[in-house]
C-alpha atoms as a PDB file:
ATOM      1  CA  MET A   1      61.460 -48.760 172.612  1.00  0.00           C
ATOM      2  CA  SER A   2      59.750 -46.375 175.039  1.00  0.00           C
ATOM      3  CA  LYS A   3      60.832 -45.817 178.616  1.00  0.00           C
ATOM      4  CA  ALA A   4      57.522 -47.293 179.812  1.00  0.00           C
ATOM      5  CA  SER A   5      58.141 -50.550 177.941  1.00  0.00           C
ATOM      6  CA  ASP A   6      61.751 -50.573 179.225  1.00  0.00           C
ATOM      7  CA  THR A   7      60.379 -50.304 182.763  1.00  0.00           C
ATOM      8  CA  GLU A   8      57.910 -53.133 182.074  1.00  0.00           C
ATOM      9  CA  THR A   9      60.787 -55.304 180.819  1.00  0.00           C
ATOM     10  CA  ASP A  10      62.947 -54.432 183.847  1.00  0.00           C
ATOM     11  CA  LEU A  11      60.065 -55.252 186.206  1.00  0.00           C
ATOM     12  CA  ALA A  12      59.513 -58.596 184.479  1.00  0.00           C
ATOM     13  CA  LEU A  13      63.219 -59.452 184.867  1.00  0.00           C
ATOM     14  CA  ALA A  14      63.137 -58.460 188.540  1.00  0.00           C
ATOM     15  CA  ARG A  15      60.014 -60.547 189.117  1.00  0.00           C
ATOM     16  CA  GLU A  16      61.675 -63.572 187.524  1.00  0.00           C
ATOM     17  CA  ALA A  17      64.688 -63.132 189.818  1.00  0.00           C
ATOM     18  CA  LEU A  18      62.456 -62.741 192.883  1.00  0.00           C
ATOM     19  CA  GLU A  19      60.550 -65.905 191.972  1.00  0.00           C
ATOM     20  CA  TYR A  20      63.842 -67.743 191.393  1.00  0.00           C
ATOM     21  CA  HIS A  21      65.237 -66.749 194.806  1.00  0.00           C
ATOM     22  CA  PHE A  22      62.055 -66.828 196.894  1.00  0.00           C
ATOM     23  CA  GLY A  23      59.148 -68.434 195.023  1.00  0.00           C
ATOM     24  CA  GLY A  24      55.784 -66.689 195.346  1.00  0.00           C
ATOM     25  CA  ALA A  25      55.401 -63.325 197.016  1.00  0.00           C
ATOM     26  CA  PRO A  26      54.143 -62.850 200.559  1.00  0.00           C
ATOM     27  CA  LYS A  27      51.413 -60.247 200.991  1.00  0.00           C
ATOM     28  CA  ILE A  28      53.444 -57.924 203.249  1.00  0.00           C
ATOM     29  CA  GLY A  29      56.608 -56.010 202.427  1.00  0.00           C
ATOM     30  CA  LEU A  30      58.808 -54.102 204.856  1.00  0.00           C
ATOM     31  CA  ILE A  31      61.320 -51.395 204.012  1.00  0.00           C
ATOM     32  CA  LEU A  32      63.683 -51.233 206.960  1.00  0.00           C
ATOM     33  CA  GLY A  33      65.371 -47.879 207.427  1.00  0.00           C
ATOM     34  CA  SER A  34      68.513 -46.901 209.293  1.00  0.00           C
ATOM     35  CA  GLY A  35      69.256 -49.108 212.266  1.00  0.00           C
ATOM     36  CA  LEU A  36      66.358 -51.478 211.632  1.00  0.00           C
ATOM     37  CA  SER A  37      67.952 -54.006 209.263  1.00  0.00           C
ATOM     38  CA  GLU A  38      68.608 -56.257 212.257  1.00  0.00           C
ATOM     39  CA  LEU A  39      64.887 -57.079 212.370  1.00  0.00           C
ATOM     40  CA  VAL A  40      65.560 -59.724 209.715  1.00  0.00           C
ATOM     41  CA  ASP A  41      67.671 -61.604 212.282  1.00  0.00           C
ATOM     42  CA  PHE A  42      64.364 -62.502 213.960  1.00  0.00           C
ATOM     43  CA  PHE A  43      62.807 -63.966 210.805  1.00  0.00           C
ATOM     44  CA  GLU A  44      61.980 -67.660 210.862  1.00  0.00           C
ATOM     45  CA  GLU A  45      62.758 -69.691 207.715  1.00  0.00           C
ATOM     46  CA  ALA A  46      64.744 -66.740 206.355  1.00  0.00           C
ATOM     47  CA  LYS A  47      66.047 -66.715 202.789  1.00  0.00           C
ATOM     48  CA  GLU A  48      68.268 -63.849 201.672  1.00  0.00           C
ATOM     49  CA  ALA A  49      69.402 -62.410 198.347  1.00  0.00           C
ATOM     50  CA  SER A  50      71.898 -59.592 198.007  1.00  0.00           C
ATOM     51  CA  TYR A  51      70.679 -56.623 195.974  1.00  0.00           C
ATOM     52  CA  ARG A  52      73.557 -57.411 193.602  1.00  0.00           C
ATOM     53  CA  GLU A  53      71.689 -60.629 192.696  1.00  0.00           C
ATOM     54  CA  LEU A  54      68.437 -58.826 191.826  1.00  0.00           C
ATOM     55  CA  PRO A  55      68.069 -56.855 188.580  1.00  0.00           C
ATOM     56  CA  GLY A  56      67.341 -53.173 189.231  1.00  0.00           C
ATOM     57  CA  PHE A  57      68.210 -53.328 192.952  1.00  0.00           C
ATOM     58  CA  MET A  58      71.273 -51.225 193.768  1.00  0.00           C
ATOM     59  CA  PRO A  59      73.474 -51.686 196.836  1.00  0.00           C
ATOM     60  CA  SER A  60      73.128 -48.864 199.349  1.00  0.00           C
ATOM     61  CA  THR A  61      76.114 -46.710 200.202  1.00  0.00           C
ATOM     62  CA  VAL A  62      74.646 -45.679 203.558  1.00  0.00           C
ATOM     63  CA  GLU A  63      76.088 -47.117 206.770  1.00  0.00           C
ATOM     64  CA  GLY A  64      73.653 -49.419 208.547  1.00  0.00           C
ATOM     65  CA  HIS A  65      71.870 -50.425 205.334  1.00  0.00           C
ATOM     66  CA  LYS A  66      72.544 -54.123 204.717  1.00  0.00           C
ATOM     67  CA  GLY A  67      71.669 -54.172 201.023  1.00  0.00           C
ATOM     68  CA  ALA A  68      69.710 -57.420 200.949  1.00  0.00           C
ATOM     69  CA  LEU A  69      66.195 -58.665 200.448  1.00  0.00           C
ATOM     70  CA  VAL A  70      65.092 -61.182 203.066  1.00  0.00           C
ATOM     71  CA  ARG A  71      61.993 -63.340 202.959  1.00  0.00           C
ATOM     72  CA  GLY A  72      60.789 -65.203 206.011  1.00  0.00           C
ATOM     73  CA  LYS A  73      58.182 -65.291 208.726  1.00  0.00           C
ATOM     74  CA  LEU A  74      57.859 -62.726 211.481  1.00  0.00           C
ATOM     75  CA  GLU A  75      55.699 -63.950 214.358  1.00  0.00           C
ATOM     76  CA  GLY A  76      54.476 -66.623 211.926  1.00  0.00           C
ATOM     77  CA  VAL A  77      53.438 -64.108 209.240  1.00  0.00           C
ATOM     78  CA  PRO A  78      55.120 -64.401 205.812  1.00  0.00           C
ATOM     79  CA  VAL A  79      56.934 -61.161 204.939  1.00  0.00           C
ATOM     80  CA  VAL A  80      59.686 -59.858 202.712  1.00  0.00           C
ATOM     81  CA  ALA A  81      61.991 -57.099 203.913  1.00  0.00           C
ATOM     82  CA  MET A  82      64.287 -54.690 202.200  1.00  0.00           C
ATOM     83  CA  ALA A  83      67.174 -54.516 204.672  1.00  0.00           C
ATOM     84  CA  GLY A  84      68.432 -51.148 203.506  1.00  0.00           C
ATOM     85  CA  ARG A  85      67.467 -48.995 200.573  1.00  0.00           C
ATOM     86  CA  ASN A  86      68.698 -46.273 198.259  1.00  0.00           C
ATOM     87  CA  HIS A  87      68.105 -42.565 198.661  1.00  0.00           C
ATOM     88  CA  LEU A  88      67.791 -39.639 196.282  1.00  0.00           C
ATOM     89  CA  TYR A  89      70.750 -37.952 197.968  1.00  0.00           C
ATOM     90  CA  GLU A  90      73.000 -40.819 196.869  1.00  0.00           C
ATOM     91  CA  GLY A  91      72.618 -39.370 193.372  1.00  0.00           C
ATOM     92  CA  HIS A  92      70.008 -41.780 192.047  1.00  0.00           C
ATOM     93  CA  SER A  93      66.914 -40.838 190.069  1.00  0.00           C
ATOM     94  CA  ALA A  94      63.509 -41.147 191.721  1.00  0.00           C
ATOM     95  CA  ALA A  95      62.708 -43.995 189.304  1.00  0.00           C
ATOM     96  CA  ALA A  96      65.820 -45.915 190.408  1.00  0.00           C
ATOM     97  CA  VAL A  97      65.075 -45.359 194.112  1.00  0.00           C
ATOM     98  CA  VAL A  98      61.507 -46.666 193.868  1.00  0.00           C
ATOM     99  CA  PHE A  99      62.266 -49.502 191.436  1.00  0.00           C
ATOM    100  CA  PRO A 100      62.730 -52.170 194.159  1.00  0.00           C
ATOM    101  CA  LEU A 101      59.354 -51.325 195.706  1.00  0.00           C
ATOM    102  CA  ARG A 102      57.720 -51.383 192.286  1.00  0.00           C
ATOM    103  CA  ALA A 103      59.355 -54.762 191.651  1.00  0.00           C
ATOM    104  CA  LEU A 104      57.981 -56.129 194.935  1.00  0.00           C
ATOM    105  CA  ILE A 105      54.493 -54.917 194.001  1.00  0.00           C
ATOM    106  CA  HIS A 106      54.878 -56.438 190.532  1.00  0.00           C
ATOM    107  CA  TRP A 107      55.923 -59.685 192.269  1.00  0.00           C
ATOM    108  CA  GLY A 108      52.691 -59.665 194.300  1.00  0.00           C
ATOM    109  CA  ILE A 109      52.953 -57.920 197.683  1.00  0.00           C
ATOM    110  CA  ASP A 110      49.747 -56.110 198.699  1.00  0.00           C
ATOM    111  CA  SER A 111      50.864 -53.906 201.578  1.00  0.00           C
ATOM    112  CA  VAL A 112      54.113 -52.249 202.563  1.00  0.00           C
ATOM    113  CA  VAL A 113      55.348 -50.825 205.848  1.00  0.00           C
ATOM    114  CA  ILE A 114      58.094 -48.246 205.371  1.00  0.00           C
ATOM    115  CA  THR A 115      60.333 -47.239 208.256  1.00  0.00           C
ATOM    116  CA  ASN A 116      63.058 -44.667 208.660  1.00  0.00           C
ATOM    117  CA  ALA A 117      64.913 -42.633 211.227  1.00  0.00           C
ATOM    118  CA  ALA A 118      63.821 -38.992 211.140  1.00  0.00           C
ATOM    119  CA  GLY A 119      64.057 -35.852 213.184  1.00  0.00           C
ATOM    120  CA  GLY A 120      60.975 -34.166 214.569  1.00  0.00           C
ATOM    121  CA  ILE A 121      60.039 -30.527 215.062  1.00  0.00           C
ATOM    122  CA  SER A 122      57.024 -31.077 217.290  1.00  0.00           C
ATOM    123  CA  SER A 123      57.532 -30.550 221.003  1.00  0.00           C
ATOM    124  CA  ASN A 124      55.354 -33.662 221.463  1.00  0.00           C
ATOM    125  CA  LEU A 125      58.081 -35.855 219.959  1.00  0.00           C
ATOM    126  CA  ALA A 126      61.182 -37.157 221.716  1.00  0.00           C
ATOM    127  CA  GLU A 127      64.140 -39.185 220.490  1.00  0.00           C
ATOM    128  CA  GLY A 128      63.089 -42.808 220.042  1.00  0.00           C
ATOM    129  CA  ASP A 129      59.374 -42.090 219.604  1.00  0.00           C
ATOM    130  CA  LEU A 130      57.470 -44.009 216.959  1.00  0.00           C
ATOM    131  CA  MET A 131      55.301 -41.880 214.697  1.00  0.00           C
ATOM    132  CA  LEU A 132      52.492 -43.066 212.465  1.00  0.00           C
ATOM    133  CA  ILE A 133      52.317 -40.922 209.341  1.00  0.00           C
ATOM    134  CA  SER A 134      48.923 -39.351 208.629  1.00  0.00           C
ATOM    135  CA  ASP A 135      50.058 -37.344 205.588  1.00  0.00           C
ATOM    136  CA  HIS A 136      53.258 -36.148 203.979  1.00  0.00           C
ATOM    137  CA  LEU A 137      54.853 -33.128 202.363  1.00  0.00           C
ATOM    138  CA  ASN A 138      57.270 -33.682 199.495  1.00  0.00           C
ATOM    139  CA  LEU A 139      59.977 -31.051 199.992  1.00  0.00           C
ATOM    140  CA  THR A 140      62.613 -32.906 197.967  1.00  0.00           C
ATOM    141  CA  GLY A 141      62.220 -30.750 194.888  1.00  0.00           C
ATOM    142  CA  ARG A 142      61.607 -33.945 192.903  1.00  0.00           C
ATOM    143  CA  ASN A 143      58.165 -34.830 191.583  1.00  0.00           C
ATOM    144  CA  PRO A 144      57.625 -38.607 191.477  1.00  0.00           C
ATOM    145  CA  LEU A 145      55.247 -38.220 188.513  1.00  0.00           C
ATOM    146  CA  VAL A 146      57.944 -36.880 186.159  1.00  0.00           C
ATOM    147  CA  GLY A 147      58.579 -39.042 183.118  1.00  0.00           C
ATOM    148  CA  GLU A 148      56.508 -41.360 181.004  1.00  0.00           C
ATOM    149  CA  ASN A 149      53.688 -43.045 182.909  1.00  0.00           C
ATOM    150  CA  VAL A 150      53.817 -46.820 183.269  1.00  0.00           C
ATOM    151  CA  ASP A 151      50.129 -47.731 183.189  1.00  0.00           C
ATOM    152  CA  SER A 152      50.605 -51.093 184.917  1.00  0.00           C
ATOM    153  CA  LEU A 153      51.945 -49.211 187.961  1.00  0.00           C
ATOM    154  CA  GLY A 154      48.928 -46.947 188.222  1.00  0.00           C
ATOM    155  CA  PRO A 155      47.334 -43.840 186.749  1.00  0.00           C
ATOM    156  CA  ARG A 156      49.281 -40.745 185.725  1.00  0.00           C
ATOM    157  CA  PHE A 157      47.763 -38.768 188.621  1.00  0.00           C
ATOM    158  CA  PRO A 158      47.131 -41.127 191.551  1.00  0.00           C
ATOM    159  CA  ASP A 159      44.415 -40.275 194.051  1.00  0.00           C
ATOM    160  CA  MET A 160      46.206 -39.254 197.243  1.00  0.00           C
ATOM    161  CA  SER A 161      43.038 -39.039 199.362  1.00  0.00           C
ATOM    162  CA  TYR A 162      43.976 -42.249 201.161  1.00  0.00           C
ATOM    163  CA  ALA A 163      47.718 -42.479 200.592  1.00  0.00           C
ATOM    164  CA  TYR A 164      48.000 -44.149 203.991  1.00  0.00           C
ATOM    165  CA  ASP A 165      45.493 -46.989 204.317  1.00  0.00           C
ATOM    166  CA  PRO A 166      42.961 -46.141 207.069  1.00  0.00           C
ATOM    167  CA  GLU A 167      42.531 -49.807 208.083  1.00  0.00           C
ATOM    168  CA  LEU A 168      46.274 -50.371 208.397  1.00  0.00           C
ATOM    169  CA  ARG A 169      46.646 -47.139 210.364  1.00  0.00           C
ATOM    170  CA  GLU A 170      43.925 -48.242 212.795  1.00  0.00           C
ATOM    171  CA  LYS A 171      45.586 -51.653 213.124  1.00  0.00           C
ATOM    172  CA  ALA A 172      48.911 -49.940 213.921  1.00  0.00           C
ATOM    173  CA  LYS A 173      47.213 -47.836 216.614  1.00  0.00           C
ATOM    174  CA  GLU A 174      45.601 -50.960 218.094  1.00  0.00           C
ATOM    175  CA  ILE A 175      48.940 -52.782 218.156  1.00  0.00           C
ATOM    176  CA  GLY A 176      50.546 -49.758 219.817  1.00  0.00           C
ATOM    177  CA  THR A 177      47.866 -49.588 222.482  1.00  0.00           C
ATOM    178  CA  ASN A 178      47.956 -53.346 223.121  1.00  0.00           C
ATOM    179  CA  GLY A 179      51.759 -53.248 223.225  1.00  0.00           C
ATOM    180  CA  GLY A 180      51.710 -50.504 225.836  1.00  0.00           C
ATOM    181  CA  PHE A 181      53.571 -47.863 223.878  1.00  0.00           C
ATOM    182  CA  ASP A 182      52.518 -44.383 222.900  1.00  0.00           C
ATOM    183  CA  LEU A 183      52.351 -44.265 219.118  1.00  0.00           C
ATOM    184  CA  LYS A 184      52.517 -40.639 217.988  1.00  0.00           C
ATOM    185  CA  GLU A 185      50.902 -39.336 214.812  1.00  0.00           C
ATOM    186  CA  GLY A 186      52.075 -36.611 212.502  1.00  0.00           C
ATOM    187  CA  VAL A 187      52.769 -35.285 209.037  1.00  0.00           C
ATOM    188  CA  TYR A 188      56.072 -36.388 207.524  1.00  0.00           C
ATOM    189  CA  ALA A 189      58.024 -33.741 205.623  1.00  0.00           C
ATOM    190  CA  SER A 190      60.669 -35.250 203.366  1.00  0.00           C
ATOM    191  CA  ASN A 191      63.639 -33.304 202.090  1.00  0.00           C
ATOM    192  CA  LEU A 192      66.366 -34.310 199.684  1.00  0.00           C
ATOM    193  CA  GLY A 193      69.033 -34.748 202.360  1.00  0.00           C
ATOM    194  CA  PRO A 194      71.417 -36.063 203.327  1.00  0.00           C
ATOM    195  CA  SER A 195      70.293 -35.346 206.837  1.00  0.00           C
ATOM    196  CA  TYR A 196      69.968 -37.430 209.942  1.00  0.00           C
END
């Protein structure tokens, strides 16, 4: 059996587990980075499953990462949140790190908001600032396209012209303005880590 068909099988098993624990998928997924897992405490009608209960989801070894998937409503909007995640620097392959997100997409989410704690090199950024990513640089030394392509997940060479949805970015800016906080914008440079 090929690696692509193995991935398809693994995704199908994960989808079955997600449907068993949560039913149908909400349209919005959240990946909550360091220090943000507590957001799920504000979910209404919350249901939780440990990563240990979900095929292909690995518990995180990083402090502050809960290691659970939580479905609920945030301000009345149905969402699912990864409260913690895995990282390349924990020794996992890129395929293993992105598997949970791929499983959520396979389950039916349409949009994902990814958060993390990161340092900044711009003099316009201060500790605690929120930054909306306009583009990114992959400095990890790992190419996410390595390996056999899984056609159901997208083309071999995805178009990166609009990697960050323009409509969602504008909505984030509007929410920032209406909320009275200064949302910064910048290019995110990712490295292998660990760094904090």
